[in-house]
Amino acid sequence: MRILLDQCFPNGVSRYVFGHECVRSKDMGWNLLVDGELLEAAEQHGFQVLLTIDKGIPHQQNLSTRNIAVIVMAPIPPTVPQLVKQVPELLALLLKVEPGKAYFVS
């Protein structure tokens, strides 16, 4: 699965997301895009999932018309060690995500 990590997602977690292609929005040159623009760019470039720690995106965007799923990882605190602890749940979730829906890993 092709996964885009948004600009607020900490570095270092993607190496634990085995079997999936993870790309940072910054590496795509999209670090200045806001939520709707970022989703649009991600869809146009074949990303299937936007991975974020921004809990607001699912509430601020109409995802039902999108061809991309949004997964929010929201540990407290949102540090790399805490996010890595959530990777097994994330990997299981990636097997069943559907476009146009939001999912939360907590």
C-alpha atoms as a PDB file:
ATOM      1  CA  MET A   1       0.000   0.000   0.000  1.00  0.00           C
ATOM      2  CA  ARG A   2       1.207   3.504  -0.791  1.00  0.00           C
ATOM      3  CA  ILE A   3       1.088   5.699   2.339  1.00  0.00           C
ATOM      4  CA  LEU A   4       1.673   9.441   2.594  1.00  0.00           C
ATOM      5  CA  LEU A   5       2.889  10.770   5.948  1.00  0.00           C
ATOM      6  CA  ASP A   6       1.773  14.352   6.439  1.00  0.00           C
ATOM      7  CA  GLN A   7       4.115  17.118   7.524  1.00  0.00           C
ATOM      8  CA  CYS A   8       3.232  16.862  11.226  1.00  0.00           C
ATOM      9  CA  PHE A   9       4.041  13.140  11.371  1.00  0.00           C
ATOM     10  CA  PRO A  10       7.337  12.512  13.230  1.00  0.00           C
ATOM     11  CA  ASN A  11      10.317  11.060  11.372  1.00  0.00           C
ATOM     12  CA  GLY A  12      11.442   7.543  12.180  1.00  0.00           C
ATOM     13  CA  VAL A  13       8.152   5.661  12.357  1.00  0.00           C
ATOM     14  CA  SER A  14       7.859   4.641   8.705  1.00  0.00           C
ATOM     15  CA  ARG A  15      10.727   2.165   8.894  1.00  0.00           C
ATOM     16  CA  TYR A  16       8.527   0.032  11.170  1.00  0.00           C
ATOM     17  CA  VAL A  17       5.615  -0.044   8.708  1.00  0.00           C
ATOM     18  CA  PHE A  18       6.828  -3.181   6.941  1.00  0.00           C
ATOM     19  CA  GLY A  19       5.469  -4.181   3.553  1.00  0.00           C
ATOM     20  CA  HIS A  20       4.220  -0.721   2.617  1.00  0.00           C
ATOM     21  CA  GLU A  21       5.674   2.250   0.766  1.00  0.00           C
ATOM     22  CA  CYS A  22       5.774   5.250   3.090  1.00  0.00           C
ATOM     23  CA  VAL A  23       6.618   8.694   1.703  1.00  0.00           C
ATOM     24  CA  ARG A  24       6.763  11.952   3.654  1.00  0.00           C
ATOM     25  CA  SER A  25       4.809  14.884   2.229  1.00  0.00           C
ATOM     26  CA  LYS A  26       7.948  16.987   2.665  1.00  0.00           C
ATOM     27  CA  ASP A  27       9.845  14.632   0.348  1.00  0.00           C
ATOM     28  CA  MET A  28       7.147  15.158  -2.278  1.00  0.00           C
ATOM     29  CA  GLY A  29       7.560  18.938  -1.960  1.00  0.00           C
ATOM     30  CA  TRP A  30       4.105  19.234  -0.408  1.00  0.00           C
ATOM     31  CA  ASN A  31       5.030  20.624   3.013  1.00  0.00           C
ATOM     32  CA  LEU A  32       3.114  23.857   2.309  1.00  0.00           C
ATOM     33  CA  LEU A  33      -0.108  22.186   1.171  1.00  0.00           C
ATOM     34  CA  VAL A  34      -3.063  22.389   3.559  1.00  0.00           C
ATOM     35  CA  ASP A  35      -5.370  19.467   4.302  1.00  0.00           C
ATOM     36  CA  GLY A  36      -7.678  19.490   1.261  1.00  0.00           C
ATOM     37  CA  GLU A  37      -4.852  20.324  -1.127  1.00  0.00           C
ATOM     38  CA  LEU A  38      -2.712  17.600   0.407  1.00  0.00           C
ATOM     39  CA  LEU A  39      -5.458  14.999   0.019  1.00  0.00           C
ATOM     40  CA  GLU A  40      -5.970  16.036  -3.613  1.00  0.00           C
ATOM     41  CA  ALA A  41      -2.254  15.806  -4.426  1.00  0.00           C
ATOM     42  CA  ALA A  42      -1.982  12.450  -2.653  1.00  0.00           C
ATOM     43  CA  GLU A  43      -4.891  11.024  -4.641  1.00  0.00           C
ATOM     44  CA  GLN A  44      -3.456  12.282  -7.925  1.00  0.00           C
ATOM     45  CA  HIS A  45      -0.153  10.553  -7.157  1.00  0.00           C
ATOM     46  CA  GLY A  46      -1.679   7.195  -6.250  1.00  0.00           C
ATOM     47  CA  PHE A  47      -1.466   7.272  -2.479  1.00  0.00           C
ATOM     48  CA  GLN A  48      -4.078   5.085  -0.817  1.00  0.00           C
ATOM     49  CA  VAL A  49      -3.665   6.314   2.767  1.00  0.00           C
ATOM     50  CA  LEU A  50      -2.795   9.599   4.452  1.00  0.00           C
ATOM     51  CA  LEU A  51      -1.187   8.906   7.821  1.00  0.00           C
ATOM     52  CA  THR A  52      -1.322  11.791  10.293  1.00  0.00           C
ATOM     53  CA  ILE A  53      -1.389  12.753  13.952  1.00  0.00           C
ATOM     54  CA  ASP A  54      -3.788  15.629  13.160  1.00  0.00           C
ATOM     55  CA  LYS A  55      -7.104  14.589  14.738  1.00  0.00           C
ATOM     56  CA  GLY A  56      -8.911  17.433  12.951  1.00  0.00           C
ATOM     57  CA  ILE A  57      -8.518  16.297   9.339  1.00  0.00           C
ATOM     58  CA  PRO A  58     -11.361  13.740   9.377  1.00  0.00           C
ATOM     59  CA  HIS A  59     -13.706  16.351  10.848  1.00  0.00           C
ATOM     60  CA  GLN A  60     -12.617  19.204   8.562  1.00  0.00           C
ATOM     61  CA  GLN A  61     -12.705  17.310   5.256  1.00  0.00           C
ATOM     62  CA  ASN A  62     -15.490  15.499   3.432  1.00  0.00           C
ATOM     63  CA  LEU A  63     -13.713  12.189   2.996  1.00  0.00           C
ATOM     64  CA  SER A  64     -16.694  10.338   1.536  1.00  0.00           C
ATOM     65  CA  THR A  65     -15.922  11.733  -1.928  1.00  0.00           C
ATOM     66  CA  ARG A  66     -12.220  10.878  -1.701  1.00  0.00           C
ATOM     67  CA  ASN A  67     -10.281   7.944  -3.134  1.00  0.00           C
ATOM     68  CA  ILE A  68      -7.961   7.903  -0.148  1.00  0.00           C
ATOM     69  CA  ALA A  69      -8.334   6.794   3.463  1.00  0.00           C
ATOM     70  CA  VAL A  70      -7.080   8.828   6.416  1.00  0.00           C
ATOM     71  CA  ILE A  71      -5.537   7.152   9.437  1.00  0.00           C
ATOM     72  CA  VAL A  72      -4.970   9.220  12.559  1.00  0.00           C
ATOM     73  CA  MET A  73      -2.449   7.907  15.047  1.00  0.00           C
ATOM     74  CA  ALA A  74      -2.967   9.749  18.306  1.00  0.00           C
ATOM     75  CA  PRO A  75      -0.842   8.499  21.172  1.00  0.00           C
ATOM     76  CA  ILE A  76      -0.205  10.729  24.154  1.00  0.00           C
ATOM     77  CA  PRO A  77       2.407  12.051  23.853  1.00  0.00           C
ATOM     78  CA  PRO A  78       2.823  11.823  20.037  1.00  0.00           C
ATOM     79  CA  THR A  79       6.456  10.746  20.175  1.00  0.00           C
ATOM     80  CA  VAL A  80       8.240   8.220  17.976  1.00  0.00           C
ATOM     81  CA  PRO A  81       8.431   5.572  20.755  1.00  0.00           C
ATOM     82  CA  GLN A  82       4.691   5.923  21.451  1.00  0.00           C
ATOM     83  CA  LEU A  83       3.846   5.770  17.725  1.00  0.00           C
ATOM     84  CA  VAL A  84       6.040   2.695  17.237  1.00  0.00           C
ATOM     85  CA  LYS A  85       4.018   0.949  19.966  1.00  0.00           C
ATOM     86  CA  GLN A  86       0.930   1.517  17.781  1.00  0.00           C
ATOM     87  CA  VAL A  87       2.452   0.073  14.593  1.00  0.00           C
ATOM     88  CA  PRO A  88       1.029  -3.457  15.083  1.00  0.00           C
ATOM     89  CA  GLU A  89      -2.495  -1.991  15.286  1.00  0.00           C
ATOM     90  CA  LEU A  90      -1.740   0.182  12.251  1.00  0.00           C
ATOM     91  CA  LEU A  91      -0.518  -2.797  10.218  1.00  0.00           C
ATOM     92  CA  ALA A  92      -3.681  -4.757  11.027  1.00  0.00           C
ATOM     93  CA  LEU A  93      -5.820  -1.764  10.093  1.00  0.00           C
ATOM     94  CA  LEU A  94      -4.063  -1.310   6.748  1.00  0.00           C
ATOM     95  CA  LEU A  95      -5.402  -4.715   5.689  1.00  0.00           C
ATOM     96  CA  LYS A  96      -8.986  -3.448   5.794  1.00  0.00           C
ATOM     97  CA  VAL A  97      -8.979   0.315   5.097  1.00  0.00           C
ATOM     98  CA  GLU A  98     -11.402   1.651   2.520  1.00  0.00           C
ATOM     99  CA  PRO A  99     -11.109   4.856   0.506  1.00  0.00           C
ATOM    100  CA  GLY A 100     -13.206   7.763   1.729  1.00  0.00           C
ATOM    101  CA  LYS A 101     -13.079   6.747   5.373  1.00  0.00           C
ATOM    102  CA  ALA A 102     -11.203   7.864   8.470  1.00  0.00           C
ATOM    103  CA  TYR A 103      -9.684   5.530  11.025  1.00  0.00           C
ATOM    104  CA  PHE A 104      -8.151   6.159  14.425  1.00  0.00           C
ATOM    105  CA  VAL A 105      -5.349   4.275  16.136  1.00  0.00           C
ATOM    106  CA  SER A 106      -5.084   5.186  19.804  1.00  0.00           C
END
